[in-house]
Amino acid sequence: VARKIEDASSDNLEDSWWDRNVRSFIHEHADF
């Protein structure tokens, strides 16, 4: 399930630098 969800995001629709770096960092380290 996780792999197919990840594959679905591997398309030409690119997230912005802010999404890939800042927002992703906040999401991954939310508990910390």
Full PDB file with SEQRES, HELIX, SHEET, SSBOND, CRYST1, ORIGX, SCALE, CONECT and MASTER records, all heavy atoms in Angstrom:
SEQRES   1 A   32  VAL ALA ARG LYS ILE GLU ASP ALA SER SER ASP ASN LEU          
SEQRES   2 A   32  GLU ASP SER TRP TRP ASP ARG ASN VAL ARG SER PHE ILE          
SEQRES   3 A   32  HIS GLU HIS ALA ASP PHE                                      
HELIX    1 AA1 ALA A    2  ALA A    8  1                                   7    
HELIX    2 AA2 TRP A   17  TRP A   17  1                                   1    
HELIX    3 AA3 TRP A   18  ARG A   23  3                                   6    
HELIX    4 AA4 SER A   24  GLU A   28  1                                   5    
CRYST1    1.000    1.000    1.000  90.00  90.00  90.00 P 1           1          
ORIGX1      1.000000  0.000000  0.000000        0.00000                         
ORIGX2      0.000000  1.000000  0.000000        0.00000                         
ORIGX3      0.000000  0.000000  1.000000        0.00000                         
SCALE1      1.000000  0.000000  0.000000        0.00000                         
SCALE2      0.000000  1.000000  0.000000        0.00000                         
SCALE3      0.000000  0.000000  1.000000        0.00000                         
ATOM      1  N   VAL A   1       0.840  -1.203   0.000  1.00  0.00           N  
ATOM      2  CA  VAL A   1       0.000   0.000   0.000  1.00  0.00           C  
ATOM      3  C   VAL A   1       0.874   1.252   0.000  1.00  0.00           C  
ATOM      4  O   VAL A   1       0.661   2.192  -0.777  1.00  0.00           O  
ATOM      5  CB  VAL A   1      -0.945  -0.013   1.224  1.00  0.00           C  
ATOM      6  CG1 VAL A   1      -1.555   1.370   1.444  1.00  0.00           C  
ATOM      7  CG2 VAL A   1      -2.042  -1.044   1.038  1.00  0.00           C  
ATOM      8  N   ALA A   2       1.876   1.267   0.870  1.00  0.00           N  
ATOM      9  CA  ALA A   2       2.764   2.432   0.945  1.00  0.00           C  
ATOM     10  C   ALA A   2       3.514   2.639  -0.366  1.00  0.00           C  
ATOM     11  O   ALA A   2       3.688   3.782  -0.830  1.00  0.00           O  
ATOM     12  CB  ALA A   2       3.755   2.248   2.100  1.00  0.00           C  
ATOM     13  N   ARG A   3       3.952   1.530  -0.987  1.00  0.00           N  
ATOM     14  CA  ARG A   3       4.696   1.638  -2.244  1.00  0.00           C  
ATOM     15  C   ARG A   3       3.814   2.207  -3.356  1.00  0.00           C  
ATOM     16  O   ARG A   3       4.254   3.057  -4.140  1.00  0.00           O  
ATOM     17  CB  ARG A   3       5.230   0.264  -2.635  1.00  0.00           C  
ATOM     18  CG  ARG A   3       6.081   0.279  -3.908  1.00  0.00           C  
ATOM     19  CD  ARG A   3       6.810  -1.044  -4.105  1.00  0.00           C  
ATOM     20  NE  ARG A   3       5.897  -2.183  -4.049  1.00  0.00           N  
ATOM     21  CZ  ARG A   3       5.819  -3.027  -3.025  1.00  0.00           C  
ATOM     22  NH1 ARG A   3       6.582  -2.857  -1.951  1.00  0.00           N  
ATOM     23  NH2 ARG A   3       4.979  -4.053  -3.050  1.00  0.00           N  
ATOM     24  N   LYS A   4       2.562   1.755  -3.424  1.00  0.00           N  
ATOM     25  CA  LYS A   4       1.674   2.242  -4.487  1.00  0.00           C  
ATOM     26  C   LYS A   4       1.289   3.704  -4.270  1.00  0.00           C  
ATOM     27  O   LYS A   4       1.132   4.456  -5.236  1.00  0.00           O  
ATOM     28  CB  LYS A   4       0.433   1.356  -4.557  1.00  0.00           C  
ATOM     29  CG  LYS A   4       0.746  -0.024  -5.136  1.00  0.00           C  
ATOM     30  CD  LYS A   4      -0.492  -0.879  -5.304  1.00  0.00           C  
ATOM     31  CE  LYS A   4      -0.116  -2.213  -5.978  1.00  0.00           C  
ATOM     32  NZ  LYS A   4      -1.269  -3.108  -6.136  1.00  0.00           N  
ATOM     33  N   ILE A   5       1.157   4.100  -3.017  1.00  0.00           N  
ATOM     34  CA  ILE A   5       0.889   5.513  -2.752  1.00  0.00           C  
ATOM     35  C   ILE A   5       2.100   6.361  -3.140  1.00  0.00           C  
ATOM     36  O   ILE A   5       1.963   7.440  -3.738  1.00  0.00           O  
ATOM     37  CB  ILE A   5       0.524   5.721  -1.268  1.00  0.00           C  
ATOM     38  CG1 ILE A   5      -0.841   5.093  -0.970  1.00  0.00           C  
ATOM     39  CG2 ILE A   5       0.506   7.206  -0.920  1.00  0.00           C  
ATOM     40  CD1 ILE A   5      -1.234   5.170   0.490  1.00  0.00           C  
ATOM     41  N   GLU A   6       3.286   5.859  -2.833  1.00  0.00           N  
ATOM     42  CA  GLU A   6       4.509   6.579  -3.211  1.00  0.00           C  
ATOM     43  C   GLU A   6       4.648   6.633  -4.723  1.00  0.00           C  
ATOM     44  O   GLU A   6       5.016   7.677  -5.297  1.00  0.00           O  
ATOM     45  CB  GLU A   6       5.725   5.895  -2.581  1.00  0.00           C  
ATOM     46  CG  GLU A   6       7.063   6.511  -2.963  1.00  0.00           C  
ATOM     47  CD  GLU A   6       7.217   7.931  -2.469  1.00  0.00           C  
ATOM     48  OE1 GLU A   6       6.550   8.298  -1.495  1.00  0.00           O  
ATOM     49  OE2 GLU A   6       8.010   8.675  -3.072  1.00  0.00           O  
ATOM     50  N   ASP A   7       4.339   5.514  -5.414  1.00  0.00           N  
ATOM     51  CA  ASP A   7       4.425   5.497  -6.886  1.00  0.00           C  
ATOM     52  C   ASP A   7       3.451   6.497  -7.495  1.00  0.00           C  
ATOM     53  O   ASP A   7       3.741   7.103  -8.539  1.00  0.00           O  
ATOM     54  CB  ASP A   7       4.128   4.093  -7.407  1.00  0.00           C  
ATOM     55  CG  ASP A   7       5.237   3.104  -7.076  1.00  0.00           C  
ATOM     56  OD1 ASP A   7       6.344   3.568  -6.738  1.00  0.00           O  
ATOM     57  OD2 ASP A   7       4.995   1.889  -7.144  1.00  0.00           O  
ATOM     58  N   ALA A   8       2.289   6.665  -6.841  1.00  0.00           N  
ATOM     59  CA  ALA A   8       1.290   7.589  -7.388  1.00  0.00           C  
ATOM     60  C   ALA A   8       1.787   9.028  -7.372  1.00  0.00           C  
ATOM     61  O   ALA A   8       1.340   9.856  -8.176  1.00  0.00           O  
ATOM     62  CB  ALA A   8      -0.012   7.486  -6.595  1.00  0.00           C  
ATOM     63  N   SER A   9       2.711   9.329  -6.467  1.00  0.00           N  
ATOM     64  CA  SER A   9       3.239  10.696  -6.394  1.00  0.00           C  
ATOM     65  C   SER A   9       4.456  10.895  -7.290  1.00  0.00           C  
ATOM     66  O   SER A   9       4.974  12.002  -7.384  1.00  0.00           O  
ATOM     67  CB  SER A   9       3.610  11.030  -4.940  1.00  0.00           C  
ATOM     68  OG  SER A   9       4.676  10.217  -4.501  1.00  0.00           O  
ATOM     69  N   SER A  10       4.912   9.811  -7.940  1.00  0.00           N  
ATOM     70  CA  SER A  10       6.076   9.920  -8.828  1.00  0.00           C  
ATOM     71  C   SER A  10       5.596  10.229 -10.242  1.00  0.00           C  
ATOM     72  O   SER A  10       5.614   9.382 -11.126  1.00  0.00           O  
ATOM     73  CB  SER A  10       6.879   8.616  -8.803  1.00  0.00           C  
ATOM     74  OG  SER A  10       7.356   8.354  -7.509  1.00  0.00           O  
ATOM     75  N   ASP A  11       5.113  11.432 -10.439  1.00  0.00           N  
ATOM     76  CA  ASP A  11       4.618  11.845 -11.742  1.00  0.00           C  
ATOM     77  C   ASP A  11       5.237  13.192 -12.092  1.00  0.00           C  
ATOM     78  O   ASP A  11       6.179  13.646 -11.471  1.00  0.00           O  
ATOM     79  CB  ASP A  11       3.079  11.906 -11.751  1.00  0.00           C  
ATOM     80  CG  ASP A  11       2.540  12.700 -10.564  1.00  0.00           C  
ATOM     81  OD1 ASP A  11       3.238  13.638 -10.134  1.00  0.00           O  
ATOM     82  OD2 ASP A  11       1.437  12.382 -10.081  1.00  0.00           O  
ATOM     83  N   ASN A  12       4.675  13.828 -13.091  1.00  0.00           N  
ATOM     84  CA  ASN A  12       5.227  15.106 -13.544  1.00  0.00           C  
ATOM     85  C   ASN A  12       4.765  16.285 -12.699  1.00  0.00           C  
ATOM     86  O   ASN A  12       5.189  17.410 -12.931  1.00  0.00           O  
ATOM     87  CB  ASN A  12       4.834  15.358 -15.005  1.00  0.00           C  
ATOM     88  CG  ASN A  12       5.485  14.341 -15.939  1.00  0.00           C  
ATOM     89  OD1 ASN A  12       6.607  13.900 -15.686  1.00  0.00           O  
ATOM     90  ND2 ASN A  12       4.779  13.954 -16.999  1.00  0.00           N  
ATOM     91  N   LEU A  13       3.868  16.018 -11.769  1.00  0.00           N  
ATOM     92  CA  LEU A  13       3.379  17.086 -10.904  1.00  0.00           C  
ATOM     93  C   LEU A  13       4.341  17.237  -9.734  1.00  0.00           C  
ATOM     94  O   LEU A  13       4.290  16.485  -8.765  1.00  0.00           O  
ATOM     95  CB  LEU A  13       1.966  16.757 -10.403  1.00  0.00           C  
ATOM     96  CG  LEU A  13       1.268  17.836  -9.572  1.00  0.00           C  
ATOM     97  CD1 LEU A  13       1.103  19.121 -10.369  1.00  0.00           C  
ATOM     98  CD2 LEU A  13      -0.080  17.338  -9.074  1.00  0.00           C  
ATOM     99  N   GLU A  14       5.239  18.181  -9.858  1.00  0.00           N  
ATOM    100  CA  GLU A  14       6.292  18.350  -8.864  1.00  0.00           C  
ATOM    101  C   GLU A  14       5.846  19.296  -7.760  1.00  0.00           C  
ATOM    102  O   GLU A  14       5.235  20.332  -8.010  1.00  0.00           O  
ATOM    103  CB  GLU A  14       7.561  18.914  -9.520  1.00  0.00           C  
ATOM    104  CG  GLU A  14       8.252  17.929 -10.449  1.00  0.00           C  
ATOM    105  CD  GLU A  14       8.840  16.751  -9.692  1.00  0.00           C  
ATOM    106  OE1 GLU A  14       9.160  16.906  -8.497  1.00  0.00           O  
ATOM    107  OE2 GLU A  14       8.963  15.668 -10.293  1.00  0.00           O  
ATOM    108  N   ASP A  15       6.133  18.904  -6.530  1.00  0.00           N  
ATOM    109  CA  ASP A  15       5.907  19.809  -5.412  1.00  0.00           C  
ATOM    110  C   ASP A  15       6.975  20.903  -5.444  1.00  0.00           C  
ATOM    111  O   ASP A  15       8.059  20.732  -6.000  1.00  0.00           O  
ATOM    112  CB  ASP A  15       5.989  19.047  -4.087  1.00  0.00           C  
ATOM    113  CG  ASP A  15       4.863  18.030  -3.948  1.00  0.00           C  
ATOM    114  OD1 ASP A  15       3.746  18.356  -4.397  1.00  0.00           O  
ATOM    115  OD2 ASP A  15       5.112  16.941  -3.418  1.00  0.00           O  
ATOM    116  N   SER A  16       6.656  22.014  -4.821  1.00  0.00           N  
ATOM    117  CA  SER A  16       7.600  23.123  -4.787  1.00  0.00           C  
ATOM    118  C   SER A  16       8.767  22.813  -3.859  1.00  0.00           C  
ATOM    119  O   SER A  16       8.733  21.860  -3.066  1.00  0.00           O  
ATOM    120  CB  SER A  16       6.875  24.386  -4.301  1.00  0.00           C  
ATOM    121  OG  SER A  16       6.500  24.240  -2.938  1.00  0.00           O  
ATOM    122  N   TRP A  17       9.812  23.642  -3.959  1.00  0.00           N  
ATOM    123  CA  TRP A  17      10.956  23.482  -3.056  1.00  0.00           C  
ATOM    124  C   TRP A  17      10.499  23.570  -1.610  1.00  0.00           C  
ATOM    125  O   TRP A  17      10.969  22.817  -0.767  1.00  0.00           O  
ATOM    126  CB  TRP A  17      11.983  24.578  -3.347  1.00  0.00           C  
ATOM    127  CG  TRP A  17      13.192  24.507  -2.463  1.00  0.00           C  
ATOM    128  CD1 TRP A  17      14.354  23.851  -2.691  1.00  0.00           C  
ATOM    129  CD2 TRP A  17      13.329  25.112  -1.155  1.00  0.00           C  
ATOM    130  NE1 TRP A  17      15.210  23.993  -1.625  1.00  0.00           N  
ATOM    131  CE2 TRP A  17      14.618  24.767  -0.671  1.00  0.00           C  
ATOM    132  CE3 TRP A  17      12.503  25.903  -0.357  1.00  0.00           C  
ATOM    133  CZ2 TRP A  17      15.082  25.198   0.566  1.00  0.00           C  
ATOM    134  CZ3 TRP A  17      12.960  26.317   0.887  1.00  0.00           C  
ATOM    135  CH2 TRP A  17      14.238  25.964   1.326  1.00  0.00           C  
ATOM    136  N   TRP A  18       9.572  24.463  -1.334  1.00  0.00           N  
ATOM    137  CA  TRP A  18       9.055  24.630   0.022  1.00  0.00           C  
ATOM    138  C   TRP A  18       8.374  23.347   0.501  1.00  0.00           C  
ATOM    139  O   TRP A  18       8.581  22.903   1.631  1.00  0.00           O  
ATOM    140  CB  TRP A  18       8.078  25.800   0.051  1.00  0.00           C  
ATOM    141  CG  TRP A  18       7.503  26.081   1.404  1.00  0.00           C  
ATOM    142  CD1 TRP A  18       6.325  25.607   1.920  1.00  0.00           C  
ATOM    143  CD2 TRP A  18       8.086  26.900   2.430  1.00  0.00           C  
ATOM    144  NE1 TRP A  18       6.127  26.069   3.195  1.00  0.00           N  
ATOM    145  CE2 TRP A  18       7.193  26.876   3.539  1.00  0.00           C  
ATOM    146  CE3 TRP A  18       9.255  27.640   2.532  1.00  0.00           C  
ATOM    147  CZ2 TRP A  18       7.441  27.562   4.708  1.00  0.00           C  
ATOM    148  CZ3 TRP A  18       9.499  28.341   3.705  1.00  0.00           C  
ATOM    149  CH2 TRP A  18       8.604  28.291   4.773  1.00  0.00           C  
ATOM    150  N   ASP A  19       7.563  22.734  -0.373  1.00  0.00           N  
ATOM    151  CA  ASP A  19       6.872  21.503   0.000  1.00  0.00           C  
ATOM    152  C   ASP A  19       7.861  20.357   0.224  1.00  0.00           C  
ATOM    153  O   ASP A  19       7.730  19.590   1.179  1.00  0.00           O  
ATOM    154  CB  ASP A  19       5.868  21.093  -1.080  1.00  0.00           C  
ATOM    155  CG  ASP A  19       4.664  22.017  -1.129  1.00  0.00           C  
ATOM    156  OD1 ASP A  19       4.310  22.563  -0.078  1.00  0.00           O  
ATOM    157  OD2 ASP A  19       4.086  22.190  -2.211  1.00  0.00           O  
ATOM    158  N   ARG A  20       8.833  20.238  -0.689  1.00  0.00           N  
ATOM    159  CA  ARG A  20       9.759  19.115  -0.619  1.00  0.00           C  
ATOM    160  C   ARG A  20      10.716  19.226   0.561  1.00  0.00           C  
ATOM    161  O   ARG A  20      11.138  18.206   1.110  1.00  0.00           O  
ATOM    162  CB  ARG A  20      10.587  19.020  -1.910  1.00  0.00           C  
ATOM    163  CG  ARG A  20       9.797  18.612  -3.133  1.00  0.00           C  
ATOM    164  CD  ARG A  20      10.733  18.238  -4.264  1.00  0.00           C  
ATOM    165  NE  ARG A  20      11.718  19.268  -4.551  1.00  0.00           N  
ATOM    166  CZ  ARG A  20      11.538  20.279  -5.375  1.00  0.00           C  
ATOM    167  NH1 ARG A  20      10.379  20.405  -6.013  1.00  0.00           N  
ATOM    168  NH2 ARG A  20      12.490  21.160  -5.593  1.00  0.00           N  
ATOM    169  N   ASN A  21      11.057  20.439   0.957  1.00  0.00           N  
ATOM    170  CA  ASN A  21      12.088  20.608   1.974  1.00  0.00           C  
ATOM    171  C   ASN A  21      11.524  21.069   3.320  1.00  0.00           C  
ATOM    172  O   ASN A  21      11.715  20.397   4.339  1.00  0.00           O  
ATOM    173  CB  ASN A  21      13.149  21.606   1.483  1.00  0.00           C  
ATOM    174  CG  ASN A  21      13.918  21.074   0.291  1.00  0.00           C  
ATOM    175  OD1 ASN A  21      14.870  20.330   0.448  1.00  0.00           O  
ATOM    176  ND2 ASN A  21      13.514  21.456  -0.917  1.00  0.00           N  
ATOM    177  N   VAL A  22      10.818  22.191   3.316  1.00  0.00           N  
ATOM    178  CA  VAL A  22      10.357  22.751   4.586  1.00  0.00           C  
ATOM    179  C   VAL A  22       9.169  21.974   5.134  1.00  0.00           C  
ATOM    180  O   VAL A  22       9.203  21.440   6.249  1.00  0.00           O  
ATOM    181  CB  VAL A  22      10.003  24.239   4.414  1.00  0.00           C  
ATOM    182  CG1 VAL A  22       9.497  24.813   5.741  1.00  0.00           C  
ATOM    183  CG2 VAL A  22      11.216  25.015   3.931  1.00  0.00           C  
ATOM    184  N   ARG A  23       8.095  21.882   4.322  1.00  0.00           N  
ATOM    185  CA  ARG A  23       6.889  21.221   4.823  1.00  0.00           C  
ATOM    186  C   ARG A  23       7.134  19.734   5.072  1.00  0.00           C  
ATOM    187  O   ARG A  23       6.605  19.159   6.028  1.00  0.00           O  
ATOM    188  CB  ARG A  23       5.737  21.416   3.840  1.00  0.00           C  
ATOM    189  CG  ARG A  23       5.287  22.875   3.699  1.00  0.00           C  
ATOM    190  CD  ARG A  23       3.977  22.981   2.958  1.00  0.00           C  
ATOM    191  NE  ARG A  23       2.924  22.320   3.709  1.00  0.00           N  
ATOM    192  CZ  ARG A  23       1.919  21.675   3.153  1.00  0.00           C  
ATOM    193  NH1 ARG A  23       1.848  21.571   1.837  1.00  0.00           N  
ATOM    194  NH2 ARG A  23       0.990  21.121   3.894  1.00  0.00           N  
ATOM    195  N   SER A  24       7.922  19.118   4.214  1.00  0.00           N  
ATOM    196  CA  SER A  24       8.229  17.708   4.414  1.00  0.00           C  
ATOM    197  C   SER A  24       9.027  17.511   5.700  1.00  0.00           C  
ATOM    198  O   SER A  24       8.780  16.558   6.456  1.00  0.00           O  
ATOM    199  CB  SER A  24       9.025  17.167   3.219  1.00  0.00           C  
ATOM    200  OG  SER A  24       9.346  15.809   3.403  1.00  0.00           O  
ATOM    201  N   PHE A  25       9.979  18.398   5.972  1.00  0.00           N  
ATOM    202  CA  PHE A  25      10.764  18.308   7.202  1.00  0.00           C  
ATOM    203  C   PHE A  25       9.869  18.451   8.429  1.00  0.00           C  
ATOM    204  O   PHE A  25       9.984  17.683   9.399  1.00  0.00           O  
ATOM    205  CB  PHE A  25      11.840  19.395   7.219  1.00  0.00           C  
ATOM    206  CG  PHE A  25      12.636  19.442   8.490  1.00  0.00           C  
ATOM    207  CD1 PHE A  25      13.729  18.621   8.679  1.00  0.00           C  
ATOM    208  CD2 PHE A  25      12.259  20.300   9.519  1.00  0.00           C  
ATOM    209  CE1 PHE A  25      14.457  18.657   9.860  1.00  0.00           C  
ATOM    210  CE2 PHE A  25      12.977  20.337  10.709  1.00  0.00           C  
ATOM    211  CZ  PHE A  25      14.075  19.508  10.874  1.00  0.00           C  
ATOM    212  N   ILE A  26       8.959  19.422   8.387  1.00  0.00           N  
ATOM    213  CA  ILE A  26       8.049  19.625   9.521  1.00  0.00           C  
ATOM    214  C   ILE A  26       7.185  18.388   9.735  1.00  0.00           C  
ATOM    215  O   ILE A  26       6.987  17.935  10.867  1.00  0.00           O  
ATOM    216  CB  ILE A  26       7.168  20.871   9.282  1.00  0.00           C  
ATOM    217  CG1 ILE A  26       8.036  22.135   9.295  1.00  0.00           C  
ATOM    218  CG2 ILE A  26       6.073  20.970  10.332  1.00  0.00           C  
ATOM    219  CD1 ILE A  26       7.283  23.396   8.919  1.00  0.00           C  
ATOM    220  N   HIS A  27       6.679  17.818   8.642  1.00  0.00           N  
ATOM    221  CA  HIS A  27       5.815  16.643   8.739  1.00  0.00           C  
ATOM    222  C   HIS A  27       6.570  15.439   9.313  1.00  0.00           C  
ATOM    223  O   HIS A  27       6.064  14.730  10.182  1.00  0.00           O  
ATOM    224  CB  HIS A  27       5.247  16.308   7.362  1.00  0.00           C  
ATOM    225  CG  HIS A  27       4.321  15.128   7.362  1.00  0.00           C  
ATOM    226  ND1 HIS A  27       3.078  15.171   7.930  1.00  0.00           N  
ATOM    227  CD2 HIS A  27       4.476  13.868   6.871  1.00  0.00           C  
ATOM    228  CE1 HIS A  27       2.497  13.986   7.789  1.00  0.00           C  
ATOM    229  NE2 HIS A  27       3.325  13.191   7.158  1.00  0.00           N  
ATOM    230  N   GLU A  28       7.783  15.227   8.836  1.00  0.00           N  
ATOM    231  CA  GLU A  28       8.558  14.065   9.278  1.00  0.00           C  
ATOM    232  C   GLU A  28       9.025  14.194  10.722  1.00  0.00           C  
ATOM    233  O   GLU A  28       9.262  13.182  11.391  1.00  0.00           O  
ATOM    234  CB  GLU A  28       9.767  13.875   8.351  1.00  0.00           C  
ATOM    235  CG  GLU A  28       9.396  13.446   6.936  1.00  0.00           C  
ATOM    236  CD  GLU A  28      10.600  13.461   6.014  1.00  0.00           C  
ATOM    237  OE1 GLU A  28      11.709  13.751   6.497  1.00  0.00           O  
ATOM    238  OE2 GLU A  28      10.419  13.197   4.807  1.00  0.00           O  
ATOM    239  N   HIS A  29       9.188  15.418  11.204  1.00  0.00           N  
ATOM    240  CA  HIS A  29       9.697  15.637  12.563  1.00  0.00           C  
ATOM    241  C   HIS A  29       8.634  16.278  13.453  1.00  0.00           C  
ATOM    242  O   HIS A  29       8.967  16.956  14.430  1.00  0.00           O  
ATOM    243  CB  HIS A  29      10.948  16.513  12.527  1.00  0.00           C  
ATOM    244  CG  HIS A  29      12.081  15.928  11.743  1.00  0.00           C  
ATOM    245  ND1 HIS A  29      12.192  16.072  10.374  1.00  0.00           N  
ATOM    246  CD2 HIS A  29      13.135  15.160  12.123  1.00  0.00           C  
ATOM    247  CE1 HIS A  29      13.283  15.445   9.950  1.00  0.00           C  
ATOM    248  NE2 HIS A  29      13.869  14.883  10.990  1.00  0.00           N  
ATOM    249  N   ALA A  30       7.361  16.049  13.122  1.00  0.00           N  
ATOM    250  CA  ALA A  30       6.278  16.717  13.851  1.00  0.00           C  
ATOM    251  C   ALA A  30       6.294  16.378  15.336  1.00  0.00           C  
ATOM    252  O   ALA A  30       6.169  17.266  16.187  1.00  0.00           O  
ATOM    253  CB  ALA A  30       4.929  16.346  13.234  1.00  0.00           C  
ATOM    254  N   ASP A  31       6.471  15.108  15.663  1.00  0.00           N  
ATOM    255  CA  ASP A  31       6.462  14.716  17.080  1.00  0.00           C  
ATOM    256  C   ASP A  31       7.619  15.357  17.841  1.00  0.00           C  
ATOM    257  O   ASP A  31       7.456  15.796  18.992  1.00  0.00           O  
ATOM    258  CB  ASP A  31       6.532  13.195  17.217  1.00  0.00           C  
ATOM    259  CG  ASP A  31       5.196  12.527  16.940  1.00  0.00           C  
ATOM    260  OD1 ASP A  31       4.184  13.244  16.918  1.00  0.00           O  
ATOM    261  OD2 ASP A  31       5.170  11.304  16.726  1.00  0.00           O  
ATOM    262  N   PHE A  32       8.788  15.407  17.211  1.00  0.00           N  
ATOM    263  CA  PHE A  32       9.946  16.023  17.872  1.00  0.00           C  
ATOM    264  C   PHE A  32       9.715  17.522  18.067  1.00  0.00           C  
ATOM    265  O   PHE A  32      10.042  18.078  19.126  1.00  0.00           O  
ATOM    266  CB  PHE A  32      11.203  15.778  17.054  1.00  0.00           C  
ATOM    267  CG  PHE A  32      12.448  16.368  17.664  1.00  0.00           C  
ATOM    268  CD1 PHE A  32      12.954  15.882  18.859  1.00  0.00           C  
ATOM    269  CD2 PHE A  32      13.105  17.426  17.059  1.00  0.00           C  
ATOM    270  CE1 PHE A  32      14.092  16.430  19.435  1.00  0.00           C  
ATOM    271  CE2 PHE A  32      14.238  17.985  17.620  1.00  0.00           C  
ATOM    272  CZ  PHE A  32      14.742  17.481  18.818  1.00  0.00           C  
TER     273      PHE A  32                                                      
MASTER        0    0    0    4    0    0    0    6  272    1    0    3          
END                                                                             
